[in-house]
Amino acid sequence: MLLFHIIILSLVQGITEFLPISSSGHLSLLHSIFDGESAADQYATNHLFDIAVHVGTLFAVLLYFRRDVFEMLMGLICIANPQKQAAGVRALQVGVASIPVIIAGFILHAWSPNFLTLLSVVAWANIVYALLLWVADRTPVAQVNGQDKSVDEMPWRDAMIIGVSQALALVPGTSRSGVTMTAALFLGYPRTDAARFSMFLGMVAISGAGLLGALDVDWQNSQLGADIALAVIFSFLAALTAIALLMRWIEKSSFTPFVIYRLIFGVVLLLAL
């Protein structure tokens, strides 16, 4: 793959992965632009690079939420300790809620359907899920015992609903972060908590995709290995910046700019098609 293509794909993935605007949809569009009519034939290779840039974003979210990750790991190890039990339960919720997307991911990995490369699917998914995010963002925040709902005290029911919604994101244009944040908002969680839990789920989902991708790599191909390494580095840097900016933005503002962007993106794509 050309260096220019690797850089563009990596930067776009890093910026869009944790923003509710669909990284897969943008990658599908770029593959269509770069490969033209042969995009469907290049599905396997492109999918491999998509996984590589996702791994870069995984490193970024692990670094940004390193304290939360450490607390959840310690909570699992010392789950009998009342002081660390809440973090351990949260780790279990993230793991169990990730099962639906893992199962669906294995099925799609074995099937590799070409219809997922269709830009019309990307366009309509962006429009539909942008509208759902807009409605959810205006849903009043629920309260429990007079306090806003929090990820730190999330019931299992809520965790599983958000986890099941994540499986929908395997359709390009849906946005994994977007659909999980939308589900959390509908359940009454504040924007920052919705984003946090979405990113916790993303750690597991991206790890699973990265593992599957690693099994497909011909590690004796030095050029392919170098290209993948570059993709991971560039996407890591872009994702780390995007996460920091998103978390600052939603502390004081709404998801409306992302909704508008996705609607414009989807409509323009439909018109172009």
C-alpha atoms as a PDB file:
ATOM      1  CA  MET A   1       0.000   0.000   0.000  1.00  0.00           C
ATOM      2  CA  LEU A   2       1.255   3.502  -0.802  1.00  0.00           C
ATOM      3  CA  LEU A   3       2.670   5.522   2.115  1.00  0.00           C
ATOM      4  CA  PHE A   4       0.232   8.350   1.390  1.00  0.00           C
ATOM      5  CA  HIS A   5      -2.704   5.955   1.629  1.00  0.00           C
ATOM      6  CA  ILE A   6      -1.396   4.494   4.891  1.00  0.00           C
ATOM      7  CA  ILE A   7      -1.050   7.949   6.469  1.00  0.00           C
ATOM      8  CA  ILE A   8      -4.507   9.115   5.365  1.00  0.00           C
ATOM      9  CA  LEU A   9      -6.222   5.912   6.500  1.00  0.00           C
ATOM     10  CA  SER A  10      -4.411   6.020   9.854  1.00  0.00           C
ATOM     11  CA  LEU A  11      -5.207   9.653  10.580  1.00  0.00           C
ATOM     12  CA  VAL A  12      -8.864   9.297   9.574  1.00  0.00           C
ATOM     13  CA  GLN A  13      -9.261   6.172  11.698  1.00  0.00           C
ATOM     14  CA  GLY A  14      -7.533   7.735  14.681  1.00  0.00           C
ATOM     15  CA  ILE A  15      -9.677  10.859  14.548  1.00  0.00           C
ATOM     16  CA  THR A  16     -13.013   9.140  13.918  1.00  0.00           C
ATOM     17  CA  GLU A  17     -12.819   5.917  15.989  1.00  0.00           C
ATOM     18  CA  PHE A  18     -13.966   7.405  19.285  1.00  0.00           C
ATOM     19  CA  LEU A  19     -15.995  10.262  17.844  1.00  0.00           C
ATOM     20  CA  PRO A  20     -19.634   9.290  17.146  1.00  0.00           C
ATOM     21  CA  ILE A  21     -19.222   9.721  13.376  1.00  0.00           C
ATOM     22  CA  SER A  22     -18.365   6.197  12.164  1.00  0.00           C
ATOM     23  CA  SER A  23     -14.726   5.374  11.496  1.00  0.00           C
ATOM     24  CA  SER A  24     -15.672   2.317   9.410  1.00  0.00           C
ATOM     25  CA  GLY A  25     -17.839   4.456   7.150  1.00  0.00           C
ATOM     26  CA  HIS A  26     -14.995   6.853   6.477  1.00  0.00           C
ATOM     27  CA  LEU A  27     -12.564   3.995   5.860  1.00  0.00           C
ATOM     28  CA  SER A  28     -14.976   2.366   3.414  1.00  0.00           C
ATOM     29  CA  LEU A  29     -15.253   5.650   1.510  1.00  0.00           C
ATOM     30  CA  LEU A  30     -11.462   6.049   1.393  1.00  0.00           C
ATOM     31  CA  HIS A  31     -10.983   2.482   0.150  1.00  0.00           C
ATOM     32  CA  SER A  32     -13.487   3.158  -2.621  1.00  0.00           C
ATOM     33  CA  ILE A  33     -11.634   6.331  -3.605  1.00  0.00           C
ATOM     34  CA  PHE A  34      -8.191   4.725  -3.482  1.00  0.00           C
ATOM     35  CA  ASP A  35      -9.134   1.405  -5.136  1.00  0.00           C
ATOM     36  CA  GLY A  36     -11.927   2.491  -7.467  1.00  0.00           C
ATOM     37  CA  GLU A  37     -13.893  -0.365  -9.012  1.00  0.00           C
ATOM     38  CA  SER A  38     -11.511  -2.939  -7.512  1.00  0.00           C
ATOM     39  CA  ALA A  39     -12.444  -1.972  -3.916  1.00  0.00           C
ATOM     40  CA  ALA A  40     -14.576  -5.103  -3.453  1.00  0.00           C
ATOM     41  CA  ASP A  41     -11.742  -7.316  -4.716  1.00  0.00           C
ATOM     42  CA  GLN A  42      -9.382  -5.690  -2.230  1.00  0.00           C
ATOM     43  CA  TYR A  43     -11.717  -6.347   0.700  1.00  0.00           C
ATOM     44  CA  ALA A  44      -9.407  -8.800   2.521  1.00  0.00           C
ATOM     45  CA  THR A  45      -6.322  -6.570   2.279  1.00  0.00           C
ATOM     46  CA  ASN A  46      -8.227  -3.426   3.176  1.00  0.00           C
ATOM     47  CA  HIS A  47      -9.873  -5.176   6.105  1.00  0.00           C
ATOM     48  CA  LEU A  48      -6.437  -6.128   7.406  1.00  0.00           C
ATOM     49  CA  PHE A  49      -5.266  -2.516   7.331  1.00  0.00           C
ATOM     50  CA  ASP A  50      -8.514  -1.415   8.950  1.00  0.00           C
ATOM     51  CA  ILE A  51      -7.694  -3.741  11.833  1.00  0.00           C
ATOM     52  CA  ALA A  52      -4.135  -2.383  12.031  1.00  0.00           C
ATOM     53  CA  VAL A  53      -5.300   1.207  12.432  1.00  0.00           C
ATOM     54  CA  HIS A  54      -7.864   0.033  14.992  1.00  0.00           C
ATOM     55  CA  VAL A  55      -5.018  -1.460  17.054  1.00  0.00           C
ATOM     56  CA  GLY A  56      -3.347   1.961  17.095  1.00  0.00           C
ATOM     57  CA  THR A  57      -6.517   3.470  18.516  1.00  0.00           C
ATOM     58  CA  LEU A  58      -6.610   0.677  21.130  1.00  0.00           C
ATOM     59  CA  PHE A  59      -3.197   1.719  22.437  1.00  0.00           C
ATOM     60  CA  ALA A  60      -4.424   5.315  22.596  1.00  0.00           C
ATOM     61  CA  VAL A  61      -7.544   4.580  24.650  1.00  0.00           C
ATOM     62  CA  LEU A  62      -5.589   2.296  26.987  1.00  0.00           C
ATOM     63  CA  LEU A  63      -3.116   5.091  27.619  1.00  0.00           C
ATOM     64  CA  TYR A  64      -5.767   7.779  28.092  1.00  0.00           C
ATOM     65  CA  PHE A  65      -7.858   5.679  30.527  1.00  0.00           C
ATOM     66  CA  ARG A  66      -4.875   3.956  32.135  1.00  0.00           C
ATOM     67  CA  ARG A  67      -6.103   4.725  35.663  1.00  0.00           C
ATOM     68  CA  ASP A  68      -9.543   3.239  34.982  1.00  0.00           C
ATOM     69  CA  VAL A  69      -7.958   0.190  33.344  1.00  0.00           C
ATOM     70  CA  PHE A  70      -5.625  -0.325  36.323  1.00  0.00           C
ATOM     71  CA  GLU A  71      -8.503   0.025  38.794  1.00  0.00           C
ATOM     72  CA  MET A  72     -10.627  -2.501  36.885  1.00  0.00           C
ATOM     73  CA  LEU A  73      -7.779  -5.006  36.684  1.00  0.00           C
ATOM     74  CA  MET A  74      -7.028  -4.642  40.404  1.00  0.00           C
ATOM     75  CA  GLY A  75     -10.741  -4.899  41.093  1.00  0.00           C
ATOM     76  CA  LEU A  76     -10.889  -8.227  39.279  1.00  0.00           C
ATOM     77  CA  ILE A  77      -7.901  -9.567  41.167  1.00  0.00           C
ATOM     78  CA  CYS A  78      -9.211  -8.342  44.541  1.00  0.00           C
ATOM     79  CA  ILE A  79     -12.934  -8.550  43.862  1.00  0.00           C
ATOM     80  CA  ALA A  80     -13.552  -9.864  47.384  1.00  0.00           C
ATOM     81  CA  ASN A  81     -12.206  -6.577  48.762  1.00  0.00           C
ATOM     82  CA  PRO A  82     -15.236  -4.285  49.371  1.00  0.00           C
ATOM     83  CA  GLN A  83     -13.181  -1.191  48.479  1.00  0.00           C
ATOM     84  CA  LYS A  84     -12.240  -2.578  45.065  1.00  0.00           C
ATOM     85  CA  GLN A  85     -15.361  -4.608  44.353  1.00  0.00           C
ATOM     86  CA  ALA A  86     -17.110  -1.867  42.344  1.00  0.00           C
ATOM     87  CA  ALA A  87     -14.187  -1.624  39.905  1.00  0.00           C
ATOM     88  CA  GLY A  88     -14.099  -5.407  39.599  1.00  0.00           C
ATOM     89  CA  VAL A  89     -17.813  -5.581  38.819  1.00  0.00           C
ATOM     90  CA  ARG A  90     -17.358  -2.843  36.202  1.00  0.00           C
ATOM     91  CA  ALA A  91     -14.610  -4.895  34.563  1.00  0.00           C
ATOM     92  CA  LEU A  92     -16.888  -7.946  34.485  1.00  0.00           C
ATOM     93  CA  GLN A  93     -19.680  -5.867  32.981  1.00  0.00           C
ATOM     94  CA  VAL A  94     -17.381  -4.633  30.217  1.00  0.00           C
ATOM     95  CA  GLY A  95     -16.292  -8.192  29.465  1.00  0.00           C
ATOM     96  CA  VAL A  96     -19.763  -9.746  29.470  1.00  0.00           C
ATOM     97  CA  ALA A  97     -21.316  -6.841  27.535  1.00  0.00           C
ATOM     98  CA  SER A  98     -18.682  -7.365  24.828  1.00  0.00           C
ATOM     99  CA  ILE A  99     -19.748 -10.960  24.129  1.00  0.00           C
ATOM    100  CA  PRO A 100     -22.448 -10.046  21.538  1.00  0.00           C
ATOM    101  CA  VAL A 101     -20.039  -8.057  19.344  1.00  0.00           C
ATOM    102  CA  ILE A 102     -17.359 -10.745  19.679  1.00  0.00           C
ATOM    103  CA  ILE A 103     -19.752 -13.445  18.450  1.00  0.00           C
ATOM    104  CA  ALA A 104     -21.010 -11.250  15.611  1.00  0.00           C
ATOM    105  CA  GLY A 105     -17.433 -10.297  14.744  1.00  0.00           C
ATOM    106  CA  PHE A 106     -16.352 -13.934  14.417  1.00  0.00           C
ATOM    107  CA  ILE A 107     -19.300 -14.625  12.116  1.00  0.00           C
ATOM    108  CA  LEU A 108     -18.505 -11.672   9.858  1.00  0.00           C
ATOM    109  CA  HIS A 109     -14.803 -12.523   9.883  1.00  0.00           C
ATOM    110  CA  ALA A 110     -15.580 -15.994   8.547  1.00  0.00           C
ATOM    111  CA  TRP A 111     -18.220 -14.764   6.122  1.00  0.00           C
ATOM    112  CA  SER A 112     -16.558 -11.531   4.870  1.00  0.00           C
ATOM    113  CA  PRO A 113     -19.690 -10.261   3.065  1.00  0.00           C
ATOM    114  CA  ASN A 114     -18.965  -7.830   0.228  1.00  0.00           C
ATOM    115  CA  PHE A 115     -22.231  -5.939   0.785  1.00  0.00           C
ATOM    116  CA  LEU A 116     -20.577  -4.292   3.788  1.00  0.00           C
ATOM    117  CA  THR A 117     -18.374  -2.372   1.354  1.00  0.00           C
ATOM    118  CA  LEU A 118     -21.375  -0.702  -0.323  1.00  0.00           C
ATOM    119  CA  LEU A 119     -21.291   3.062   0.142  1.00  0.00           C
ATOM    120  CA  SER A 120     -25.086   3.230   0.091  1.00  0.00           C
ATOM    121  CA  VAL A 121     -25.095   1.191   3.321  1.00  0.00           C
ATOM    122  CA  VAL A 122     -22.588   3.621   4.838  1.00  0.00           C
ATOM    123  CA  ALA A 123     -24.695   6.623   3.814  1.00  0.00           C
ATOM    124  CA  TRP A 124     -28.022   5.380   5.181  1.00  0.00           C
ATOM    125  CA  ALA A 125     -26.449   4.096   8.409  1.00  0.00           C
ATOM    126  CA  ASN A 126     -24.924   7.522   9.048  1.00  0.00           C
ATOM    127  CA  ILE A 127     -28.246   9.285   8.532  1.00  0.00           C
ATOM    128  CA  VAL A 128     -30.343   6.893  10.637  1.00  0.00           C
ATOM    129  CA  TYR A 129     -27.951   6.671  13.576  1.00  0.00           C
ATOM    130  CA  ALA A 130     -27.229  10.400  13.506  1.00  0.00           C
ATOM    131  CA  LEU A 131     -30.939  11.049  14.063  1.00  0.00           C
ATOM    132  CA  LEU A 132     -31.048   8.501  16.886  1.00  0.00           C
ATOM    133  CA  LEU A 133     -28.052  10.168  18.556  1.00  0.00           C
ATOM    134  CA  TRP A 134     -29.754  13.547  18.251  1.00  0.00           C
ATOM    135  CA  VAL A 135     -32.900  12.253  19.968  1.00  0.00           C
ATOM    136  CA  ALA A 136     -30.920  10.446  22.671  1.00  0.00           C
ATOM    137  CA  ASP A 137     -28.807  13.524  23.372  1.00  0.00           C
ATOM    138  CA  ARG A 138     -31.987  15.352  24.329  1.00  0.00           C
ATOM    139  CA  THR A 139     -33.260  12.608  26.616  1.00  0.00           C
ATOM    140  CA  PRO A 140     -33.378  13.871  30.226  1.00  0.00           C
ATOM    141  CA  VAL A 141     -30.621  12.415  32.384  1.00  0.00           C
ATOM    142  CA  ALA A 142     -32.085   9.858  34.785  1.00  0.00           C
ATOM    143  CA  GLN A 143     -31.425   9.922  38.508  1.00  0.00           C
ATOM    144  CA  VAL A 144     -31.009   7.185  41.103  1.00  0.00           C
ATOM    145  CA  ASN A 145     -31.465   8.156  44.765  1.00  0.00           C
ATOM    146  CA  GLY A 146     -31.411  11.823  43.772  1.00  0.00           C
ATOM    147  CA  GLN A 147     -28.112  11.554  41.882  1.00  0.00           C
ATOM    148  CA  ASP A 148     -27.328  11.307  38.176  1.00  0.00           C
ATOM    149  CA  LYS A 149     -26.757   7.761  36.933  1.00  0.00           C
ATOM    150  CA  SER A 150     -23.095   6.798  36.804  1.00  0.00           C
ATOM    151  CA  VAL A 151     -21.002   4.163  35.032  1.00  0.00           C
ATOM    152  CA  ASP A 152     -19.389   3.413  38.399  1.00  0.00           C
ATOM    153  CA  GLU A 153     -22.752   2.122  39.659  1.00  0.00           C
ATOM    154  CA  MET A 154     -24.198   0.764  36.419  1.00  0.00           C
ATOM    155  CA  PRO A 155     -26.672  -2.123  36.782  1.00  0.00           C
ATOM    156  CA  TRP A 156     -26.085  -5.272  34.729  1.00  0.00           C
ATOM    157  CA  ARG A 157     -29.229  -4.660  32.692  1.00  0.00           C
ATOM    158  CA  ASP A 158     -27.904  -1.362  31.369  1.00  0.00           C
ATOM    159  CA  ALA A 159     -24.479  -2.825  30.611  1.00  0.00           C
ATOM    160  CA  MET A 160     -25.998  -5.634  28.550  1.00  0.00           C
ATOM    161  CA  ILE A 161     -28.306  -3.313  26.586  1.00  0.00           C
ATOM    162  CA  ILE A 162     -25.344  -1.131  25.634  1.00  0.00           C
ATOM    163  CA  GLY A 163     -23.286  -4.231  24.823  1.00  0.00           C
ATOM    164  CA  VAL A 164     -25.943  -5.653  22.502  1.00  0.00           C
ATOM    165  CA  SER A 165     -26.242  -2.307  20.724  1.00  0.00           C
ATOM    166  CA  GLN A 166     -22.511  -2.433  19.999  1.00  0.00           C
ATOM    167  CA  ALA A 167     -22.999  -5.414  17.668  1.00  0.00           C
ATOM    168  CA  LEU A 168     -24.940  -3.124  15.307  1.00  0.00           C
ATOM    169  CA  ALA A 169     -21.712  -1.211  14.693  1.00  0.00           C
ATOM    170  CA  LEU A 170     -20.348  -4.039  12.547  1.00  0.00           C
ATOM    171  CA  VAL A 171     -22.363  -2.438   9.747  1.00  0.00           C
ATOM    172  CA  PRO A 172     -20.150   0.347   8.310  1.00  0.00           C
ATOM    173  CA  GLY A 173     -21.567   3.794   8.890  1.00  0.00           C
ATOM    174  CA  THR A 174     -23.261   2.883  12.180  1.00  0.00           C
ATOM    175  CA  SER A 175     -20.344   4.000  14.410  1.00  0.00           C
ATOM    176  CA  ARG A 176     -19.425   1.744  17.319  1.00  0.00           C
ATOM    177  CA  SER A 177     -18.831   4.655  19.664  1.00  0.00           C
ATOM    178  CA  GLY A 178     -21.918   6.433  18.330  1.00  0.00           C
ATOM    179  CA  VAL A 179     -24.353   3.564  18.832  1.00  0.00           C
ATOM    180  CA  THR A 180     -23.071   2.680  22.322  1.00  0.00           C
ATOM    181  CA  MET A 181     -23.151   6.327  23.415  1.00  0.00           C
ATOM    182  CA  THR A 182     -26.663   6.601  21.982  1.00  0.00           C
ATOM    183  CA  ALA A 183     -27.806   3.557  23.969  1.00  0.00           C
ATOM    184  CA  ALA A 184     -26.241   4.923  27.167  1.00  0.00           C
ATOM    185  CA  LEU A 185     -27.859   8.326  26.643  1.00  0.00           C
ATOM    186  CA  PHE A 186     -31.278   6.718  26.116  1.00  0.00           C
ATOM    187  CA  LEU A 187     -30.734   4.865  29.411  1.00  0.00           C
ATOM    188  CA  GLY A 188     -30.193   8.208  31.128  1.00  0.00           C
ATOM    189  CA  TYR A 189     -26.418   8.429  31.558  1.00  0.00           C
ATOM    190  CA  PRO A 190     -24.617  11.799  31.279  1.00  0.00           C
ATOM    191  CA  ARG A 191     -22.572  12.397  28.130  1.00  0.00           C
ATOM    192  CA  THR A 192     -19.194  11.896  29.811  1.00  0.00           C
ATOM    193  CA  ASP A 193     -20.272   8.594  31.400  1.00  0.00           C
ATOM    194  CA  ALA A 194     -21.767   7.412  28.120  1.00  0.00           C
ATOM    195  CA  ALA A 195     -18.467   8.134  26.382  1.00  0.00           C
ATOM    196  CA  ARG A 196     -16.405   6.454  29.114  1.00  0.00           C
ATOM    197  CA  PHE A 197     -18.342   3.185  29.008  1.00  0.00           C
ATOM    198  CA  SER A 198     -18.336   3.246  25.203  1.00  0.00           C
ATOM    199  CA  MET A 199     -14.558   3.474  25.218  1.00  0.00           C
ATOM    200  CA  PHE A 200     -14.250   0.712  27.823  1.00  0.00           C
ATOM    201  CA  LEU A 201     -16.263  -1.544  25.502  1.00  0.00           C
ATOM    202  CA  GLY A 202     -14.102  -0.407  22.599  1.00  0.00           C
ATOM    203  CA  MET A 203     -10.997  -1.751  24.306  1.00  0.00           C
ATOM    204  CA  VAL A 204     -12.384  -5.285  24.217  1.00  0.00           C
ATOM    205  CA  ALA A 205     -13.922  -5.045  20.740  1.00  0.00           C
ATOM    206  CA  ILE A 206     -10.757  -3.639  19.163  1.00  0.00           C
ATOM    207  CA  SER A 207      -8.593  -6.189  20.985  1.00  0.00           C
ATOM    208  CA  GLY A 208     -10.669  -9.018  19.526  1.00  0.00           C
ATOM    209  CA  ALA A 209     -10.505  -7.568  16.019  1.00  0.00           C
ATOM    210  CA  GLY A 210      -6.758  -7.074  16.356  1.00  0.00           C
ATOM    211  CA  LEU A 211      -6.268 -10.693  17.401  1.00  0.00           C
ATOM    212  CA  LEU A 212      -8.243 -11.969  14.430  1.00  0.00           C
ATOM    213  CA  GLY A 213      -6.269  -9.719  12.124  1.00  0.00           C
ATOM    214  CA  ALA A 214      -2.939 -10.891  13.522  1.00  0.00           C
ATOM    215  CA  LEU A 215      -3.843 -14.472  12.612  1.00  0.00           C
ATOM    216  CA  ASP A 216      -4.255 -13.422   8.975  1.00  0.00           C
ATOM    217  CA  VAL A 217      -0.957 -11.546   8.670  1.00  0.00           C
ATOM    218  CA  ASP A 218       1.939 -13.053   6.768  1.00  0.00           C
ATOM    219  CA  TRP A 219       4.635 -12.004   9.219  1.00  0.00           C
ATOM    220  CA  GLN A 220       7.369 -13.164   6.824  1.00  0.00           C
ATOM    221  CA  ASN A 221       6.348 -10.355   4.468  1.00  0.00           C
ATOM    222  CA  SER A 222       8.606  -7.583   5.799  1.00  0.00           C
ATOM    223  CA  GLN A 223       6.976  -4.857   3.696  1.00  0.00           C
ATOM    224  CA  LEU A 224       3.502  -5.716   4.958  1.00  0.00           C
ATOM    225  CA  GLY A 225       4.785  -5.740   8.534  1.00  0.00           C
ATOM    226  CA  ALA A 226       6.370  -2.296   8.080  1.00  0.00           C
ATOM    227  CA  ASP A 227       3.176  -0.869   6.578  1.00  0.00           C
ATOM    228  CA  ILE A 228       1.125  -2.207   9.486  1.00  0.00           C
ATOM    229  CA  ALA A 229       3.579  -0.755  12.024  1.00  0.00           C
ATOM    230  CA  LEU A 230       3.307   2.691  10.412  1.00  0.00           C
ATOM    231  CA  ALA A 231      -0.480   2.462  10.407  1.00  0.00           C
ATOM    232  CA  VAL A 232      -0.514   1.629  14.123  1.00  0.00           C
ATOM    233  CA  ILE A 233       1.768   4.561  15.030  1.00  0.00           C
ATOM    234  CA  PHE A 234      -0.103   7.208  13.054  1.00  0.00           C
ATOM    235  CA  SER A 235      -3.538   6.059  14.206  1.00  0.00           C
ATOM    236  CA  PHE A 236      -2.324   5.969  17.833  1.00  0.00           C
ATOM    237  CA  LEU A 237      -1.217   9.609  17.755  1.00  0.00           C
ATOM    238  CA  ALA A 238      -4.400  10.790  16.033  1.00  0.00           C
ATOM    239  CA  ALA A 239      -6.689   8.818  18.369  1.00  0.00           C
ATOM    240  CA  LEU A 240      -5.011  10.056  21.548  1.00  0.00           C
ATOM    241  CA  THR A 241      -5.583  13.638  20.449  1.00  0.00           C
ATOM    242  CA  ALA A 242      -9.188  12.980  19.404  1.00  0.00           C
ATOM    243  CA  ILE A 243     -10.109  11.298  22.711  1.00  0.00           C
ATOM    244  CA  ALA A 244      -8.763  14.200  24.752  1.00  0.00           C
ATOM    245  CA  LEU A 245     -10.645  16.755  22.664  1.00  0.00           C
ATOM    246  CA  LEU A 246     -13.910  14.763  22.738  1.00  0.00           C
ATOM    247  CA  MET A 247     -13.906  14.344  26.524  1.00  0.00           C
ATOM    248  CA  ARG A 248     -13.300  18.075  27.003  1.00  0.00           C
ATOM    249  CA  TRP A 249     -16.020  18.981  24.514  1.00  0.00           C
ATOM    250  CA  ILE A 250     -18.830  16.870  25.960  1.00  0.00           C
ATOM    251  CA  GLU A 251     -18.183  18.115  29.501  1.00  0.00           C
ATOM    252  CA  LYS A 252     -19.850  21.384  28.491  1.00  0.00           C
ATOM    253  CA  SER A 253     -21.423  20.855  25.065  1.00  0.00           C
ATOM    254  CA  SER A 254     -23.770  18.473  23.230  1.00  0.00           C
ATOM    255  CA  PHE A 255     -23.297  15.943  20.427  1.00  0.00           C
ATOM    256  CA  THR A 256     -25.122  18.216  17.967  1.00  0.00           C
ATOM    257  CA  PRO A 257     -22.047  19.067  15.821  1.00  0.00           C
ATOM    258  CA  PHE A 258     -21.420  15.347  15.273  1.00  0.00           C
ATOM    259  CA  VAL A 259     -25.070  14.780  14.373  1.00  0.00           C
ATOM    260  CA  ILE A 260     -24.972  17.585  11.794  1.00  0.00           C
ATOM    261  CA  TYR A 261     -21.713  16.295  10.333  1.00  0.00           C
ATOM    262  CA  ARG A 262     -23.082  12.760   9.946  1.00  0.00           C
ATOM    263  CA  LEU A 263     -26.288  13.966   8.312  1.00  0.00           C
ATOM    264  CA  ILE A 264     -24.312  16.060   5.813  1.00  0.00           C
ATOM    265  CA  PHE A 265     -21.888  13.189   5.223  1.00  0.00           C
ATOM    266  CA  GLY A 266     -24.709  10.707   4.575  1.00  0.00           C
ATOM    267  CA  VAL A 267     -26.766  12.998   2.322  1.00  0.00           C
ATOM    268  CA  VAL A 268     -23.744  14.110   0.248  1.00  0.00           C
ATOM    269  CA  LEU A 269     -22.691  10.489  -0.163  1.00  0.00           C
ATOM    270  CA  LEU A 270     -26.171   9.506  -1.353  1.00  0.00           C
ATOM    271  CA  LEU A 271     -26.227  12.389  -3.831  1.00  0.00           C
ATOM    272  CA  ALA A 272     -22.779  11.401  -5.113  1.00  0.00           C
ATOM    273  CA  LEU A 273     -23.948   7.823  -5.604  1.00  0.00           C
END
